[in-house]
Amino acid sequence: MSGESHTTTDHDTIRQWAEARDGKPARVSSTASGDAEHAGVLRINFPGYAEENLEDIDWDTFFSTFEEQQLAFVYQDKTSDGSTSRFNKFTRR
């Protein structure tokens, strides 16, 4: 069904979904602790849609923080009109 949201904690699913949309792992730079293992607030950074305060990080740091913060990834594959969706958010498990 188009427009339906899904929730996952699977690293491969998250990475494949993001990369299929040219997304990269990122953090809100003002929330980082300076320690590479504590990236702060996570985001997926899409070309042309970036917030000014996003900083790209590597997938290892992203998923380390994802697990440390016990997050789940809510995402949508398609919008209600059938186009590719970039909708995503992070929630607590």
C-alpha atoms as a PDB file:
ATOM      1  CA  MET A   1       0.000   0.000   0.000  1.00  0.00           C
ATOM      2  CA  SER A   2       1.413   3.390  -0.974  1.00  0.00           C
ATOM      3  CA  GLY A   3       2.071   5.907   1.757  1.00  0.00           C
ATOM      4  CA  GLU A   4       2.415   3.199   4.402  1.00  0.00           C
ATOM      5  CA  SER A   5       5.100   3.648   7.061  1.00  0.00           C
ATOM      6  CA  HIS A   6       7.372   0.882   8.332  1.00  0.00           C
ATOM      7  CA  THR A   7       9.560   0.602  11.416  1.00  0.00           C
ATOM      8  CA  THR A   8      12.865  -1.255  11.605  1.00  0.00           C
ATOM      9  CA  THR A   9      16.029  -1.581  13.647  1.00  0.00           C
ATOM     10  CA  ASP A  10      17.838  -3.572  10.929  1.00  0.00           C
ATOM     11  CA  HIS A  11      21.044  -1.796   9.906  1.00  0.00           C
ATOM     12  CA  ASP A  12      21.076  -3.213   6.361  1.00  0.00           C
ATOM     13  CA  THR A  13      17.479  -2.133   5.719  1.00  0.00           C
ATOM     14  CA  ILE A  14      18.204   1.397   6.951  1.00  0.00           C
ATOM     15  CA  ARG A  15      21.391   1.723   4.925  1.00  0.00           C
ATOM     16  CA  GLN A  16      19.815   0.330   1.737  1.00  0.00           C
ATOM     17  CA  TRP A  17      16.782   2.613   2.086  1.00  0.00           C
ATOM     18  CA  ALA A  18      18.982   5.697   2.570  1.00  0.00           C
ATOM     19  CA  GLU A  19      21.469   4.860  -0.191  1.00  0.00           C
ATOM     20  CA  ALA A  20      18.653   4.149  -2.683  1.00  0.00           C
ATOM     21  CA  ARG A  21      17.696   7.821  -2.193  1.00  0.00           C
ATOM     22  CA  ASP A  22      21.304   9.113  -2.216  1.00  0.00           C
ATOM     23  CA  GLY A  23      21.052   9.678   1.535  1.00  0.00           C
ATOM     24  CA  LYS A  24      24.060   9.721   3.833  1.00  0.00           C
ATOM     25  CA  PRO A  25      24.299   9.238   7.593  1.00  0.00           C
ATOM     26  CA  ALA A  26      24.503  12.538   9.446  1.00  0.00           C
ATOM     27  CA  ARG A  27      24.174  14.171  12.827  1.00  0.00           C
ATOM     28  CA  VAL A  28      22.985  17.538  14.029  1.00  0.00           C
ATOM     29  CA  SER A  29      26.400  19.075  14.664  1.00  0.00           C
ATOM     30  CA  SER A  30      25.359  21.092  17.717  1.00  0.00           C
ATOM     31  CA  THR A  31      24.336  17.866  19.528  1.00  0.00           C
ATOM     32  CA  ALA A  32      27.616  15.969  19.109  1.00  0.00           C
ATOM     33  CA  SER A  33      29.703  15.379  22.223  1.00  0.00           C
ATOM     34  CA  GLY A  34      33.039  15.459  20.423  1.00  0.00           C
ATOM     35  CA  ASP A  35      33.486  11.734  20.942  1.00  0.00           C
ATOM     36  CA  ALA A  36      33.099   9.825  17.663  1.00  0.00           C
ATOM     37  CA  GLU A  37      31.015   7.207  19.459  1.00  0.00           C
ATOM     38  CA  HIS A  38      28.491   9.805  20.683  1.00  0.00           C
ATOM     39  CA  ALA A  39      27.281  11.429  17.491  1.00  0.00           C
ATOM     40  CA  GLY A  40      24.264  13.189  19.007  1.00  0.00           C
ATOM     41  CA  VAL A  41      20.971  13.548  17.131  1.00  0.00           C
ATOM     42  CA  LEU A  42      20.942  11.378  14.006  1.00  0.00           C
ATOM     43  CA  ARG A  43      19.531  12.268  10.602  1.00  0.00           C
ATOM     44  CA  ILE A  44      19.690  11.044   7.007  1.00  0.00           C
ATOM     45  CA  ASN A  45      21.172  13.788   4.816  1.00  0.00           C
ATOM     46  CA  PHE A  46      19.720  13.984   1.288  1.00  0.00           C
ATOM     47  CA  PRO A  47      21.343  16.045  -1.494  1.00  0.00           C
ATOM     48  CA  GLY A  48      19.427  19.273  -1.997  1.00  0.00           C
ATOM     49  CA  TYR A  49      17.452  18.855   1.237  1.00  0.00           C
ATOM     50  CA  ALA A  50      20.188  19.333   3.827  1.00  0.00           C
ATOM     51  CA  GLU A  51      19.697  21.358   6.935  1.00  0.00           C
ATOM     52  CA  GLU A  52      22.566  23.789   7.484  1.00  0.00           C
ATOM     53  CA  ASN A  53      23.502  22.257  10.823  1.00  0.00           C
ATOM     54  CA  LEU A  54      23.957  18.676   9.541  1.00  0.00           C
ATOM     55  CA  GLU A  55      27.353  17.031   9.461  1.00  0.00           C
ATOM     56  CA  ASP A  56      27.951  13.793   7.535  1.00  0.00           C
ATOM     57  CA  ILE A  57      29.293  10.883   9.600  1.00  0.00           C
ATOM     58  CA  ASP A  58      30.289   7.324   8.695  1.00  0.00           C
ATOM     59  CA  TRP A  59      27.859   4.422   8.931  1.00  0.00           C
ATOM     60  CA  ASP A  60      29.786   2.794  11.828  1.00  0.00           C
ATOM     61  CA  THR A  61      29.435   5.908  13.994  1.00  0.00           C
ATOM     62  CA  PHE A  62      25.809   6.286  12.907  1.00  0.00           C
ATOM     63  CA  PHE A  63      24.858   2.727  13.892  1.00  0.00           C
ATOM     64  CA  SER A  64      26.883   2.805  17.110  1.00  0.00           C
ATOM     65  CA  THR A  65      24.868   5.856  18.178  1.00  0.00           C
ATOM     66  CA  PHE A  66      21.648   4.284  16.859  1.00  0.00           C
ATOM     67  CA  GLU A  67      22.167   1.282  19.165  1.00  0.00           C
ATOM     68  CA  GLU A  68      23.451   3.313  22.119  1.00  0.00           C
ATOM     69  CA  GLN A  69      20.320   5.484  22.001  1.00  0.00           C
ATOM     70  CA  GLN A  70      18.051   2.437  21.462  1.00  0.00           C
ATOM     71  CA  LEU A  71      16.457   3.969  18.358  1.00  0.00           C
ATOM     72  CA  ALA A  72      14.132   2.581  15.719  1.00  0.00           C
ATOM     73  CA  PHE A  73      13.849   3.918  12.164  1.00  0.00           C
ATOM     74  CA  VAL A  74      10.405   4.826  10.820  1.00  0.00           C
ATOM     75  CA  TYR A  75      10.337   5.199   7.053  1.00  0.00           C
ATOM     76  CA  GLN A  76       8.139   5.221   3.984  1.00  0.00           C
ATOM     77  CA  ASP A  77       9.013   3.582   0.642  1.00  0.00           C
ATOM     78  CA  LYS A  78       6.444   5.398  -1.499  1.00  0.00           C
ATOM     79  CA  THR A  79       4.223   8.439  -1.061  1.00  0.00           C
ATOM     80  CA  SER A  80       0.455   8.113  -1.468  1.00  0.00           C
ATOM     81  CA  ASP A  81       0.820   9.089  -5.153  1.00  0.00           C
ATOM     82  CA  GLY A  82       3.403   6.328  -5.718  1.00  0.00           C
ATOM     83  CA  SER A  83       6.570   8.470  -5.869  1.00  0.00           C
ATOM     84  CA  THR A  84       9.701   7.562  -3.970  1.00  0.00           C
ATOM     85  CA  SER A  85       9.446   8.870  -0.420  1.00  0.00           C
ATOM     86  CA  ARG A  86      12.232  10.343   1.701  1.00  0.00           C
ATOM     87  CA  PHE A  87      10.043  10.433   4.815  1.00  0.00           C
ATOM     88  CA  ASN A  88      11.863   9.086   7.846  1.00  0.00           C
ATOM     89  CA  LYS A  89      12.228   9.705  11.548  1.00  0.00           C
ATOM     90  CA  PHE A  90      13.940   8.164  14.524  1.00  0.00           C
ATOM     91  CA  THR A  91      11.980   7.014  17.562  1.00  0.00           C
ATOM     92  CA  ARG A  92      12.847   5.286  20.804  1.00  0.00           C
ATOM     93  CA  ARG A  93      12.314   1.522  20.829  1.00  0.00           C
END
